[in-house]
């Protein structure tokens, strides 16, 4: 009974957390060729996909389709991917789901916060996760607790739209260029967290961008989603403490 009350109280605290923006580092905020704040793991999910691997520092994508991708801002905010052109040799360019990519960073919160940002991607968004693990040999990411889904990010019916500005298959129309990212937000208590965003693509120009520069769409998880996330994290913490006592 006490543990149930603790979980409920924890969730209420998370839902009522104060807002502090800008806690996830922008992608490509560096003068180098790779981003020390972000890693990328990738592996094939289709029979005609063969590449796999892991880069502790994700490469800045300097050859971007602009439009429909949001422009890079050198040294401040860039797209990141497996390499400079975000392309894996082999079949591609047809929108099929051949590869899965996991873009990971770490944040430390000194107080409960509303974690915010705006993201774009090519091609398909699979979700945002807290925790989980990456096999650096196979490039496979095993998800942790999900805080962002395609539906909660883009709305029902838009789950298979690419994350850039283009009529038809983009989540924003061409007229939205050059602001081609979409807002998200979720609450977290104090602590250090691994944050991972997963996308799938066809091996040709598969990239990811996250920034704090604002977006054309404004979607934030519903209070029920935030409460469930808080309960999930609280449950993990309670389970760990129980194991330690045993």
Protein backbone atom coordinates (compact mmCIF):
# COMPACT_ATOMS: atom_id res chain seq x y z
CA UNK A 1 0.00 0.00 0.00
CA UNK A 2 2.79 2.40 0.92
CA UNK A 3 4.61 1.69 -2.36
CA UNK A 4 1.41 2.43 -4.34
CA UNK A 5 1.00 5.76 -2.58
CA UNK A 6 4.64 6.59 -3.25
CA UNK A 7 4.23 5.88 -6.95
CA UNK A 8 1.06 7.99 -7.15
CA UNK A 9 2.74 10.86 -5.32
CA UNK A 10 5.78 10.64 -7.57
CA UNK A 11 3.59 10.85 -10.69
CA UNK A 12 1.81 13.92 -9.30
CA UNK A 13 5.15 15.65 -8.69
CA UNK A 14 6.26 14.89 -12.27
CA UNK A 15 3.02 16.26 -13.73
CA UNK A 16 3.40 19.47 -11.72
CA UNK A 17 7.10 20.01 -12.54
CA UNK A 18 8.20 23.58 -13.35
CA UNK A 19 9.28 24.40 -16.92
CA UNK A 20 12.93 24.94 -17.83
CA UNK A 21 13.57 24.84 -21.58
CA UNK A 22 16.64 23.84 -23.52
CA UNK A 23 18.03 20.90 -21.54
CA UNK A 24 18.68 18.54 -24.48
CA UNK A 25 21.80 19.56 -26.44
CA UNK A 26 21.24 20.71 -30.01
CA UNK A 27 22.58 18.28 -32.60
CA UNK A 28 25.71 19.39 -34.40
CA UNK A 29 26.48 22.26 -32.03
CA UNK A 30 30.20 21.94 -32.77
CA UNK A 31 32.86 23.21 -35.15
CA UNK A 32 34.11 19.65 -35.70
CA UNK A 33 33.05 16.96 -38.16
CA UNK A 34 31.25 14.91 -35.51
CA UNK A 35 29.13 15.62 -32.44
CA UNK A 36 30.60 14.58 -29.06
CA UNK A 37 27.19 15.01 -27.37
CA UNK A 38 25.35 12.54 -29.64
CA UNK A 39 25.99 8.94 -30.69
CA UNK A 40 24.31 6.91 -33.43
CA UNK A 41 23.75 3.16 -33.73
CA UNK A 42 22.24 1.54 -36.82
CA UNK A 43 21.34 -1.90 -38.12
CA UNK A 44 19.31 -3.44 -40.97
CA UNK A 45 15.65 -4.33 -40.46
CA UNK A 46 15.09 -5.66 -44.00
CA UNK A 47 16.79 -8.41 -46.00
CA UNK A 48 18.31 -5.95 -48.49
CA UNK A 49 19.87 -3.84 -45.72
CA UNK A 50 23.37 -4.95 -44.79
CA UNK A 51 25.19 -2.13 -42.97
CA UNK A 52 25.40 -1.96 -39.17
CA UNK A 53 27.55 -0.20 -36.62
CA UNK A 54 27.95 2.38 -33.90
CA UNK A 55 29.61 5.80 -33.71
CA UNK A 56 30.22 7.30 -30.27
CA UNK A 57 30.27 10.72 -31.95
CA UNK A 58 27.63 10.99 -34.67
CA UNK A 59 28.82 12.57 -37.93
CA UNK A 60 27.56 15.97 -39.00
CA UNK A 61 25.56 15.69 -42.22
CA UNK A 62 26.97 18.41 -44.48
CA UNK A 63 25.31 17.28 -47.72
CA UNK A 64 21.62 17.80 -46.94
CA UNK A 65 18.54 18.06 -49.21
CA UNK A 66 17.63 21.66 -48.44
CA UNK A 67 14.73 21.98 -49.02
CA UNK A 68 13.01 19.81 -47.76
CA UNK A 69 15.38 19.51 -44.77
CA UNK A 70 15.70 22.39 -42.34
CA UNK A 71 18.98 24.21 -43.09
CA UNK A 72 22.14 23.58 -41.08
CA UNK A 73 23.54 26.42 -38.98
CA UNK A 74 27.30 25.68 -39.00
CA UNK A 75 28.75 25.38 -35.52
CA UNK A 76 25.34 25.87 -33.89
CA UNK A 77 22.83 23.29 -35.13
CA UNK A 78 23.39 20.60 -37.76
CA UNK A 79 21.79 17.39 -38.94
CA UNK A 80 23.63 14.27 -37.76
CA UNK A 81 23.83 10.78 -39.20
CA UNK A 82 26.06 7.82 -39.91
CA UNK A 83 28.36 9.87 -42.16
CA UNK A 84 28.65 13.26 -43.88
CA UNK A 85 26.06 12.46 -46.57
CA UNK A 86 23.78 10.32 -44.33
CA UNK A 87 23.80 7.59 -46.98
CA UNK A 88 24.51 3.88 -46.61
CA UNK A 89 25.73 2.18 -49.81
CA UNK A 90 23.21 -0.17 -51.39
CA UNK A 91 19.54 -0.05 -52.38
CA UNK A 92 17.76 3.10 -51.28
CA UNK A 93 15.81 6.18 -52.18
CA UNK A 94 12.42 4.49 -52.36
CA UNK A 95 11.15 5.14 -48.83
CA UNK A 96 11.30 1.51 -47.71
CA UNK A 97 12.16 0.72 -44.10
CA UNK A 98 15.60 -0.91 -44.45
CA UNK A 99 17.54 0.45 -41.49
CA UNK A 100 16.87 1.53 -37.93
CA UNK A 101 18.89 4.31 -36.31
CA UNK A 102 19.16 5.23 -32.62
CA UNK A 103 20.41 8.76 -31.84
CA UNK A 104 21.42 9.03 -28.18
CA UNK A 105 22.49 11.79 -25.81
CA UNK A 106 22.61 12.29 -22.03
CA UNK A 107 21.08 14.99 -19.85
CA UNK A 108 21.38 15.84 -16.17
CA UNK A 109 18.51 17.63 -14.41
CA UNK A 110 19.21 19.41 -11.14
CA UNK A 111 15.47 19.87 -10.54
CA UNK A 112 12.23 18.48 -11.99
CA UNK A 113 11.89 19.94 -15.46
CA UNK A 114 9.79 20.08 -18.57
CA UNK A 115 12.23 18.72 -21.15
CA UNK A 116 11.62 20.39 -24.51
CA UNK A 117 12.95 20.51 -28.02
CA UNK A 118 12.06 20.35 -31.69
CA UNK A 119 13.08 17.57 -34.06
CA UNK A 120 13.24 16.65 -37.72
CA UNK A 121 14.25 13.38 -39.37
CA UNK A 122 14.43 11.37 -42.56
CA UNK A 123 12.54 9.11 -42.93
CA UNK A 124 10.18 7.68 -40.26
CA UNK A 125 9.96 8.43 -36.54
CA UNK A 126 9.64 5.38 -34.26
CA UNK A 127 9.79 7.00 -30.84
CA UNK A 128 11.70 8.75 -28.08
CA UNK A 129 12.96 6.68 -25.14
CA UNK A 130 14.59 7.08 -21.74
CA UNK A 131 17.24 4.50 -20.86
CA UNK A 132 17.59 1.26 -22.77
CA UNK A 133 20.86 -0.15 -24.09
CA UNK A 134 22.92 -0.13 -27.27
CA UNK A 135 24.92 -3.06 -28.60
CA UNK A 136 27.95 -1.27 -30.04
CA UNK A 137 28.87 -4.34 -32.12
CA UNK A 138 25.54 -5.02 -33.85
CA UNK A 139 24.19 -1.46 -33.70
CA UNK A 140 20.93 -2.68 -32.13
CA UNK A 141 19.20 -0.44 -29.59
CA UNK A 142 16.98 -2.11 -26.97
CA UNK A 143 14.38 0.51 -25.95
CA UNK A 144 13.82 1.78 -22.43
CA UNK A 145 10.74 3.74 -21.28
CA UNK A 146 8.98 5.46 -24.18
CA UNK A 147 8.06 9.13 -23.71
CA UNK A 148 7.25 10.08 -27.32
CA UNK A 149 5.44 8.11 -30.04
CA UNK A 150 4.73 8.96 -33.70
CA UNK A 151 1.09 9.56 -32.80
CA UNK A 152 1.82 11.86 -29.85
CA UNK A 153 4.36 13.80 -31.94
CA UNK A 154 2.45 14.19 -35.19
CA UNK A 155 -1.14 13.21 -34.46
CA UNK A 156 -3.06 10.14 -35.60
CA UNK A 157 -2.81 9.43 -39.31
CA UNK A 158 0.57 11.11 -39.76
CA UNK A 159 2.74 8.35 -38.30
CA UNK A 160 4.37 7.41 -41.62
CA UNK A 161 5.24 10.92 -42.74
CA UNK A 162 8.88 11.91 -43.05
CA UNK A 163 10.17 14.62 -40.75
CA UNK A 164 10.79 17.47 -43.16
CA UNK A 165 8.99 20.16 -45.19
CA UNK A 166 7.47 18.63 -48.31
CA UNK A 167 3.93 18.30 -49.57
CA UNK A 168 2.54 14.78 -49.49
CA UNK A 169 5.03 12.77 -47.45
CA UNK A 170 6.40 15.44 -45.09
CA UNK A 171 4.78 16.27 -41.77
CA UNK A 172 5.02 19.96 -42.67
CA UNK A 173 4.07 21.42 -46.07
CA UNK A 174 6.69 22.93 -48.37
CA UNK A 175 5.49 26.40 -47.41
CA UNK A 176 6.81 25.84 -43.86
CA UNK A 177 10.43 25.86 -45.05
CA UNK A 178 12.90 26.74 -43.56
CA UNK A 179 11.35 25.80 -40.17
CA UNK A 180 10.99 22.05 -40.65
CA UNK A 181 10.99 20.68 -37.09
CA UNK A 182 8.18 19.81 -34.69
CA UNK A 183 7.97 20.61 -30.97
CA UNK A 184 7.79 18.07 -28.18
CA UNK A 185 7.84 18.22 -24.39
CA UNK A 186 7.77 15.82 -21.42
CA UNK A 187 8.38 16.07 -17.69
CA UNK A 188 11.20 14.39 -15.78
CA UNK A 189 12.27 14.42 -12.13
CA UNK A 190 15.79 15.24 -10.96
CA UNK A 191 18.47 12.88 -12.26
CA UNK A 192 20.74 11.86 -15.13
CA UNK A 193 19.08 10.27 -18.15
CA UNK A 194 20.00 8.67 -21.43
CA UNK A 195 17.66 10.04 -24.12
CA UNK A 196 17.30 8.16 -27.44
CA UNK A 197 15.34 8.99 -30.59
CA UNK A 198 14.73 6.13 -33.03
CA UNK A 199 14.04 6.55 -36.74
CA UNK A 200 13.85 4.17 -39.69
CA UNK A 201 14.91 4.85 -43.26
CA UNK A 202 15.88 3.48 -46.65
CA UNK A 203 19.62 4.03 -46.37
CA UNK A 204 19.64 7.20 -48.45
CA UNK A 205 19.88 10.54 -46.62
CA UNK A 206 18.73 9.17 -43.26
CA UNK A 207 19.44 11.93 -40.76
CA UNK A 208 18.24 13.57 -37.55
CA UNK A 209 18.17 17.11 -36.14
CA UNK A 210 17.15 18.41 -32.71
CA UNK A 211 17.13 22.05 -31.70
CA UNK A 212 15.64 24.59 -29.34
CA UNK A 213 14.80 27.09 -32.08
CA UNK A 214 11.05 26.56 -32.16
CA UNK A 215 8.81 24.78 -34.63
CA UNK A 216 5.74 25.17 -36.80
CA UNK A 217 3.70 22.56 -34.94
CA UNK A 218 3.02 22.56 -31.21
CA UNK A 219 2.39 19.13 -29.73
CA UNK A 220 3.04 18.15 -26.12
CA UNK A 221 2.15 14.78 -24.54
CA UNK A 222 -1.20 14.74 -22.76
CA UNK A 223 -1.18 14.90 -18.92
CA UNK A 224 -2.11 11.21 -18.81
CA UNK A 225 0.99 10.37 -20.86
CA UNK A 226 3.17 12.43 -18.54
CA UNK A 227 1.68 10.72 -15.48
CA UNK A 228 2.22 7.26 -16.97
CA UNK A 229 5.85 8.12 -17.73
CA UNK A 230 6.32 9.28 -14.14
CA UNK A 231 4.77 6.10 -12.79
CA UNK A 232 6.98 4.00 -15.05
CA UNK A 233 10.15 5.74 -13.88
CA UNK A 234 9.00 5.55 -10.27
CA UNK A 235 8.36 1.84 -10.66
CA UNK A 236 11.87 1.31 -12.00
CA UNK A 237 13.36 3.21 -9.06
CA UNK A 238 11.26 1.28 -6.51
CA UNK A 239 12.26 -2.04 -8.10
CA UNK A 240 15.95 -1.12 -7.91
CA UNK A 241 15.69 -0.09 -4.24
CA UNK A 242 13.86 -3.30 -3.41
CA UNK A 243 16.57 -5.41 -5.05
CA UNK A 244 19.26 -3.52 -3.14
CA UNK A 245 17.48 -4.22 0.18
CA UNK A 246 17.22 -7.92 -0.71
